[in-house]
């Protein structure tokens, strides 16, 4: 659910889901947003891009909330 940005288990026909792969070399890190964080600062800290964070977390906005959980590619 977290990988796809879902708040519940309801799915829609045709909905695309991200499925984690055990074979992937790419691992995800969980990050909890703190006061003063921005997508840019988090991306810099983890050597990734804002676009990748947005994509992995299915974000509709660049606004973050303190305590929000993000997956970092």
PDB file of N, CA and C in Angstrom:
ATOM      1  N   UNK A   1       0.821  -1.182   0.000  1.00  0.00           N
ATOM      2  CA  UNK A   1       0.000   0.000   0.000  1.00  0.00           C
ATOM      3  C   UNK A   1       0.871   1.253   0.000  1.00  0.00           C
ATOM      4  N   UNK A   2       1.942   1.237   0.807  1.00  0.00           N
ATOM      5  CA  UNK A   2       2.803   2.412   0.898  1.00  0.00           C
ATOM      6  C   UNK A   2       3.480   2.698  -0.443  1.00  0.00           C
ATOM      7  N   UNK A   3       3.935   1.647  -1.103  1.00  0.00           N
ATOM      8  CA  UNK A   3       4.624   1.817  -2.381  1.00  0.00           C
ATOM      9  C   UNK A   3       3.727   2.478  -3.422  1.00  0.00           C
ATOM     10  N   UNK A   4       2.424   2.229  -3.334  1.00  0.00           N
ATOM     11  CA  UNK A   4       1.476   2.766  -4.301  1.00  0.00           C
ATOM     12  C   UNK A   4       0.715   3.982  -3.799  1.00  0.00           C
ATOM     13  N   UNK A   5       1.043   4.457  -2.605  1.00  0.00           N
ATOM     14  CA  UNK A   5       0.384   5.635  -2.068  1.00  0.00           C
ATOM     15  C   UNK A   5      -1.096   5.418  -1.765  1.00  0.00           C
ATOM     16  N   UNK A   6      -1.449   4.184  -1.382  1.00  0.00           N
ATOM     17  CA  UNK A   6      -2.849   3.850  -1.104  1.00  0.00           C
ATOM     18  C   UNK A   6      -3.175   4.059   0.364  1.00  0.00           C
ATOM     19  N   UNK A   7      -4.384   4.555   0.621  1.00  0.00           N
ATOM     20  CA  UNK A   7      -4.860   4.738   1.997  1.00  0.00           C
ATOM     21  C   UNK A   7      -5.739   3.587   2.456  1.00  0.00           C
ATOM     22  N   UNK A   8      -6.209   2.769   1.505  1.00  0.00           N
ATOM     23  CA  UNK A   8      -7.035   1.613   1.851  1.00  0.00           C
ATOM     24  C   UNK A   8      -6.795   0.510   0.837  1.00  0.00           C
ATOM     25  N   UNK A   9      -7.499  -0.607   1.007  1.00  0.00           N
ATOM     26  CA  UNK A   9      -7.257  -1.773   0.151  1.00  0.00           C
ATOM     27  C   UNK A   9      -8.192  -1.835  -1.053  1.00  0.00           C
ATOM     28  N   UNK A  10      -9.020  -0.812  -1.257  1.00  0.00           N
ATOM     29  CA  UNK A  10      -9.924  -0.793  -2.408  1.00  0.00           C
ATOM     30  C   UNK A  10      -9.133  -0.515  -3.679  1.00  0.00           C
ATOM     31  N   UNK A  11      -9.399  -1.319  -4.711  1.00  0.00           N
ATOM     32  CA  UNK A  11      -8.729  -1.148  -5.998  1.00  0.00           C
ATOM     33  C   UNK A  11      -9.766  -0.905  -7.080  1.00  0.00           C
ATOM     34  N   UNK A  12      -9.331  -0.292  -8.172  1.00  0.00           N
ATOM     35  CA  UNK A  12     -10.208  -0.040  -9.318  1.00  0.00           C
ATOM     36  C   UNK A  12      -9.747  -0.876 -10.490  1.00  0.00           C
ATOM     37  N   UNK A  13     -10.688  -1.282 -11.330  1.00  0.00           N
ATOM     38  CA  UNK A  13     -10.342  -2.019 -12.536  1.00  0.00           C
ATOM     39  C   UNK A  13      -9.437  -1.149 -13.393  1.00  0.00           C
ATOM     40  N   UNK A  14      -8.337  -1.718 -13.850  1.00  0.00           N
ATOM     41  CA  UNK A  14      -7.389  -0.997 -14.691  1.00  0.00           C
ATOM     42  C   UNK A  14      -6.356  -0.188 -13.920  1.00  0.00           C
ATOM     43  N   UNK A  15      -6.479  -0.143 -12.591  1.00  0.00           N
ATOM     44  CA  UNK A  15      -5.530   0.611 -11.773  1.00  0.00           C
ATOM     45  C   UNK A  15      -4.156  -0.043 -11.869  1.00  0.00           C
ATOM     46  N   UNK A  16      -3.125   0.763 -12.057  1.00  0.00           N
ATOM     47  CA  UNK A  16      -1.759   0.244 -12.126  1.00  0.00           C
ATOM     48  C   UNK A  16      -1.151   0.265 -10.735  1.00  0.00           C
ATOM     49  N   UNK A  17      -0.505  -0.830 -10.370  1.00  0.00           N
ATOM     50  CA  UNK A  17       0.139  -0.948  -9.066  1.00  0.00           C
ATOM     51  C   UNK A  17       1.615  -1.227  -9.237  1.00  0.00           C
ATOM     52  N   UNK A  18       2.409  -0.700  -8.329  1.00  0.00           N
ATOM     53  CA  UNK A  18       3.831  -1.015  -8.280  1.00  0.00           C
ATOM     54  C   UNK A  18       3.989  -2.237  -7.376  1.00  0.00           C
ATOM     55  N   UNK A  19       4.723  -3.230  -7.859  1.00  0.00           N
ATOM     56  CA  UNK A  19       4.945  -4.454  -7.106  1.00  0.00           C
ATOM     57  C   UNK A  19       6.442  -4.548  -6.824  1.00  0.00           C
ATOM     58  N   UNK A  20       6.818  -4.618  -5.541  1.00  0.00           N
ATOM     59  CA  UNK A  20       8.248  -4.730  -5.239  1.00  0.00           C
ATOM     60  C   UNK A  20       8.797  -6.078  -5.709  1.00  0.00           C
ATOM     61  N   UNK A  21      10.008  -6.053  -6.170  1.00  0.00           N
ATOM     62  CA  UNK A  21      10.649  -7.271  -6.654  1.00  0.00           C
ATOM     63  C   UNK A  21      11.781  -7.657  -5.725  1.00  0.00           C
ATOM     64  N   UNK A  22      11.821  -8.923  -5.369  1.00  0.00           N
ATOM     65  CA  UNK A  22      12.918  -9.425  -4.543  1.00  0.00           C
ATOM     66  C   UNK A  22      14.198  -9.564  -5.353  1.00  0.00           C
ATOM     67  N   UNK A  23      14.076  -9.548  -6.678  1.00  0.00           N
ATOM     68  CA  UNK A  23      15.239  -9.721  -7.555  1.00  0.00           C
ATOM     69  C   UNK A  23      15.924  -8.401  -7.877  1.00  0.00           C
ATOM     70  N   UNK A  24      15.310  -7.307  -7.496  1.00  0.00           N
ATOM     71  CA  UNK A  24      15.824  -5.989  -7.866  1.00  0.00           C
ATOM     72  C   UNK A  24      17.045  -5.605  -7.050  1.00  0.00           C
ATOM     73  N   UNK A  25      17.989  -4.961  -7.704  1.00  0.00           N
ATOM     74  CA  UNK A  25      19.157  -4.419  -6.998  1.00  0.00           C
ATOM     75  C   UNK A  25      18.778  -3.127  -6.290  1.00  0.00           C
ATOM     76  N   UNK A  26      17.640  -2.563  -6.707  1.00  0.00           N
ATOM     77  CA  UNK A  26      17.198  -1.289  -6.165  1.00  0.00           C
ATOM     78  C   UNK A  26      16.439  -1.536  -4.866  1.00  0.00           C
ATOM     79  N   UNK A  27      16.841  -0.889  -3.816  1.00  0.00           N
ATOM     80  CA  UNK A  27      16.134  -1.035  -2.545  1.00  0.00           C
ATOM     81  C   UNK A  27      15.536   0.311  -2.163  1.00  0.00           C
ATOM     82  N   UNK A  28      14.492   0.256  -1.352  1.00  0.00           N
ATOM     83  CA  UNK A  28      13.818   1.473  -0.919  1.00  0.00           C
ATOM     84  C   UNK A  28      14.112   1.716   0.549  1.00  0.00           C
ATOM     85  N   UNK A  29      14.292   2.968   0.895  1.00  0.00           N
ATOM     86  CA  UNK A  29      14.497   3.396   2.266  1.00  0.00           C
ATOM     87  C   UNK A  29      13.249   4.142   2.709  1.00  0.00           C
ATOM     88  N   UNK A  30      12.837   3.946   3.949  1.00  0.00           N
ATOM     89  CA  UNK A  30      11.708   4.684   4.495  1.00  0.00           C
ATOM     90  C   UNK A  30      12.230   5.934   5.185  1.00  0.00           C
ATOM     91  N   UNK A  31      11.597   7.065   4.925  1.00  0.00           N
ATOM     92  CA  UNK A  31      11.997   8.338   5.514  1.00  0.00           C
ATOM     93  C   UNK A  31      10.765   9.026   6.091  1.00  0.00           C
ATOM     94  N   UNK A  32      10.876   9.540   7.301  1.00  0.00           N
ATOM     95  CA  UNK A  32       9.807  10.298   7.945  1.00  0.00           C
ATOM     96  C   UNK A  32      10.137  11.786   7.816  1.00  0.00           C
ATOM     97  N   UNK A  33       9.234  12.542   7.218  1.00  0.00           N
ATOM     98  CA  UNK A  33       9.441  13.972   6.970  1.00  0.00           C
ATOM     99  C   UNK A  33       9.523  14.733   8.296  1.00  0.00           C
ATOM    100  N   UNK A  34      10.538  15.591   8.381  1.00  0.00           N
ATOM    101  CA  UNK A  34      10.772  16.427   9.563  1.00  0.00           C
ATOM    102  C   UNK A  34      10.564  17.900   9.204  1.00  0.00           C
ATOM    103  N   UNK A  35      10.430  18.726  10.198  1.00  0.00           N
ATOM    104  CA  UNK A  35      10.272  20.158   9.997  1.00  0.00           C
ATOM    105  C   UNK A  35      11.438  20.696   9.166  1.00  0.00           C
ATOM    106  N   UNK A  36      11.141  21.486   8.159  1.00  0.00           N
ATOM    107  CA  UNK A  36      12.181  22.077   7.321  1.00  0.00           C
ATOM    108  C   UNK A  36      12.557  21.246   6.108  1.00  0.00           C
ATOM    109  N   UNK A  37      12.069  20.003   6.026  1.00  0.00           N
ATOM    110  CA  UNK A  37      12.389  19.147   4.885  1.00  0.00           C
ATOM    111  C   UNK A  37      11.686  19.625   3.621  1.00  0.00           C
ATOM    112  N   UNK A  38      12.321  19.371   2.502  1.00  0.00           N
ATOM    113  CA  UNK A  38      11.706  19.564   1.190  1.00  0.00           C
ATOM    114  C   UNK A  38      12.069  18.341   0.361  1.00  0.00           C
ATOM    115  N   UNK A  39      11.346  18.130  -0.715  1.00  0.00           N
ATOM    116  CA  UNK A  39      11.694  17.003  -1.590  1.00  0.00           C
ATOM    117  C   UNK A  39      13.118  17.147  -2.100  1.00  0.00           C
ATOM    118  N   UNK A  40      13.524  18.376  -2.405  1.00  0.00           N
ATOM    119  CA  UNK A  40      14.888  18.612  -2.907  1.00  0.00           C
ATOM    120  C   UNK A  40      15.933  18.236  -1.852  1.00  0.00           C
ATOM    121  N   UNK A  41      15.717  18.669  -0.606  1.00  0.00           N
ATOM    122  CA  UNK A  41      16.714  18.377   0.439  1.00  0.00           C
ATOM    123  C   UNK A  41      16.781  16.878   0.730  1.00  0.00           C
ATOM    124  N   UNK A  42      15.633  16.208   0.691  1.00  0.00           N
ATOM    125  CA  UNK A  42      15.618  14.758   0.922  1.00  0.00           C
ATOM    126  C   UNK A  42      16.314  14.046  -0.239  1.00  0.00           C
ATOM    127  N   UNK A  43      16.031  14.477  -1.466  1.00  0.00           N
ATOM    128  CA  UNK A  43      16.674  13.879  -2.643  1.00  0.00           C
ATOM    129  C   UNK A  43      18.186  14.043  -2.576  1.00  0.00           C
ATOM    130  N   UNK A  44      18.652  15.223  -2.172  1.00  0.00           N
ATOM    131  CA  UNK A  44      20.091  15.461  -2.041  1.00  0.00           C
ATOM    132  C   UNK A  44      20.709  14.559  -0.987  1.00  0.00           C
ATOM    133  N   UNK A  45      20.026  14.411   0.131  1.00  0.00           N
ATOM    134  CA  UNK A  45      20.532  13.593   1.244  1.00  0.00           C
ATOM    135  C   UNK A  45      20.706  12.127   0.832  1.00  0.00           C
ATOM    136  N   UNK A  46      19.795  11.634  -0.012  1.00  0.00           N
ATOM    137  CA  UNK A  46      19.810  10.222  -0.398  1.00  0.00           C
ATOM    138  C   UNK A  46      20.311   9.988  -1.821  1.00  0.00           C
ATOM    139  N   UNK A  47      20.890  11.019  -2.425  1.00  0.00           N
ATOM    140  CA  UNK A  47      21.473  10.900  -3.757  1.00  0.00           C
ATOM    141  C   UNK A  47      20.473  10.339  -4.776  1.00  0.00           C
ATOM    142  N   UNK A  48      19.289  10.920  -4.797  1.00  0.00           N
ATOM    143  CA  UNK A  48      18.263  10.543  -5.762  1.00  0.00           C
ATOM    144  C   UNK A  48      17.663  11.821  -6.328  1.00  0.00           C
ATOM    145  N   UNK A  49      16.567  11.726  -7.041  1.00  0.00           N
ATOM    146  CA  UNK A  49      15.959  12.911  -7.635  1.00  0.00           C
ATOM    147  C   UNK A  49      14.567  13.153  -7.049  1.00  0.00           C
ATOM    148  N   UNK A  50      14.135  14.394  -7.119  1.00  0.00           N
ATOM    149  CA  UNK A  50      12.783  14.748  -6.686  1.00  0.00           C
ATOM    150  C   UNK A  50      11.770  13.952  -7.506  1.00  0.00           C
ATOM    151  N   UNK A  51      11.983  13.856  -8.817  1.00  0.00           N
ATOM    152  CA  UNK A  51      11.059  13.118  -9.679  1.00  0.00           C
ATOM    153  C   UNK A  51      10.930  11.658  -9.268  1.00  0.00           C
ATOM    154  N   UNK A  52      12.043  11.031  -8.897  1.00  0.00           N
ATOM    155  CA  UNK A  52      11.989   9.629  -8.469  1.00  0.00           C
ATOM    156  C   UNK A  52      11.217   9.475  -7.163  1.00  0.00           C
ATOM    157  N   UNK A  53      11.397  10.395  -6.235  1.00  0.00           N
ATOM    158  CA  UNK A  53      10.650  10.342  -4.967  1.00  0.00           C
ATOM    159  C   UNK A  53       9.159  10.521  -5.243  1.00  0.00           C
ATOM    160  N   UNK A  54       8.824  11.466  -6.097  1.00  0.00           N
ATOM    161  CA  UNK A  54       7.419  11.699  -6.458  1.00  0.00           C
ATOM    162  C   UNK A  54       6.819  10.447  -7.095  1.00  0.00           C
ATOM    163  N   UNK A  55       7.566   9.849  -8.011  1.00  0.00           N
ATOM    164  CA  UNK A  55       7.073   8.676  -8.734  1.00  0.00           C
ATOM    165  C   UNK A  55       6.863   7.478  -7.785  1.00  0.00           C
ATOM    166  N   UNK A  56       7.852   7.183  -6.958  1.00  0.00           N
ATOM    167  CA  UNK A  56       7.773   6.027  -6.057  1.00  0.00           C
ATOM    168  C   UNK A  56       6.632   6.181  -5.052  1.00  0.00           C
ATOM    169  N   UNK A  57       6.380   7.408  -4.623  1.00  0.00           N
ATOM    170  CA  UNK A  57       5.356   7.652  -3.607  1.00  0.00           C
ATOM    171  C   UNK A  57       4.008   8.069  -4.192  1.00  0.00           C
ATOM    172  N   UNK A  58       3.939   8.128  -5.519  1.00  0.00           N
ATOM    173  CA  UNK A  58       2.684   8.494  -6.193  1.00  0.00           C
ATOM    174  C   UNK A  58       2.144   9.820  -5.658  1.00  0.00           C
ATOM    175  N   UNK A  59       3.034  10.801  -5.482  1.00  0.00           N
ATOM    176  CA  UNK A  59       2.643  12.097  -4.934  1.00  0.00           C
ATOM    177  C   UNK A  59       1.938  12.932  -5.990  1.00  0.00           C
ATOM    178  N   UNK A  60       0.891  13.621  -5.581  1.00  0.00           N
ATOM    179  CA  UNK A  60       0.146  14.511  -6.473  1.00  0.00           C
ATOM    180  C   UNK A  60       0.610  15.959  -6.304  1.00  0.00           C
ATOM    181  N   UNK A  61       1.417  16.208  -5.278  1.00  0.00           N
ATOM    182  CA  UNK A  61       1.872  17.549  -4.954  1.00  0.00           C
ATOM    183  C   UNK A  61       3.284  17.456  -4.378  1.00  0.00           C
ATOM    184  N   UNK A  62       3.991  18.571  -4.403  1.00  0.00           N
ATOM    185  CA  UNK A  62       5.327  18.602  -3.807  1.00  0.00           C
ATOM    186  C   UNK A  62       5.271  19.044  -2.344  1.00  0.00           C
ATOM    187  N   UNK A  63       4.071  19.312  -1.843  1.00  0.00           N
ATOM    188  CA  UNK A  63       3.928  19.712  -0.439  1.00  0.00           C
ATOM    189  C   UNK A  63       4.084  18.496   0.464  1.00  0.00           C
ATOM    190  N   UNK A  64       4.842  18.671   1.534  1.00  0.00           N
ATOM    191  CA  UNK A  64       5.078  17.583   2.479  1.00  0.00           C
ATOM    192  C   UNK A  64       4.469  17.953   3.829  1.00  0.00           C
ATOM    193  N   UNK A  65       4.129  16.925   4.610  1.00  0.00           N
ATOM    194  CA  UNK A  65       3.614  17.134   5.964  1.00  0.00           C
ATOM    195  C   UNK A  65       4.589  16.508   6.948  1.00  0.00           C
ATOM    196  N   UNK A  66       4.820  17.188   8.060  1.00  0.00           N
ATOM    197  CA  UNK A  66       5.677  16.638   9.121  1.00  0.00           C
ATOM    198  C   UNK A  66       5.077  15.306   9.558  1.00  0.00           C
ATOM    199  N   UNK A  67       5.923  14.277   9.626  1.00  0.00           N
ATOM    200  CA  UNK A  67       5.468  12.949  10.015  1.00  0.00           C
ATOM    201  C   UNK A  67       5.073  12.073   8.851  1.00  0.00           C
ATOM    202  N   UNK A  68       4.999  12.649   7.647  1.00  0.00           N
ATOM    203  CA  UNK A  68       4.654  11.884   6.446  1.00  0.00           C
ATOM    204  C   UNK A  68       5.745  10.867   6.185  1.00  0.00           C
ATOM    205  N   UNK A  69       5.363   9.652   5.779  1.00  0.00           N
ATOM    206  CA  UNK A  69       6.313   8.613   5.455  1.00  0.00           C
ATOM    207  C   UNK A  69       6.536   8.585   3.949  1.00  0.00           C
ATOM    208  N   UNK A  70       7.788   8.625   3.539  1.00  0.00           N
ATOM    209  CA  UNK A  70       8.159   8.554   2.124  1.00  0.00           C
ATOM    210  C   UNK A  70       9.052   7.350   1.884  1.00  0.00           C
ATOM    211  N   UNK A  71       8.906   6.746   0.727  1.00  0.00           N
ATOM    212  CA  UNK A  71       9.847   5.726   0.287  1.00  0.00           C
ATOM    213  C   UNK A  71      10.886   6.426  -0.574  1.00  0.00           C
ATOM    214  N   UNK A  72      12.145   6.149  -0.318  1.00  0.00           N
ATOM    215  CA  UNK A  72      13.240   6.787  -1.048  1.00  0.00           C
ATOM    216  C   UNK A  72      13.942   5.729  -1.901  1.00  0.00           C
ATOM    217  N   UNK A  73      13.942   5.937  -3.228  1.00  0.00           N
ATOM    218  CA  UNK A  73      14.599   4.955  -4.101  1.00  0.00           C
ATOM    219  C   UNK A  73      16.109   5.074  -4.052  1.00  0.00           C
TER     220      UNK A  73
END
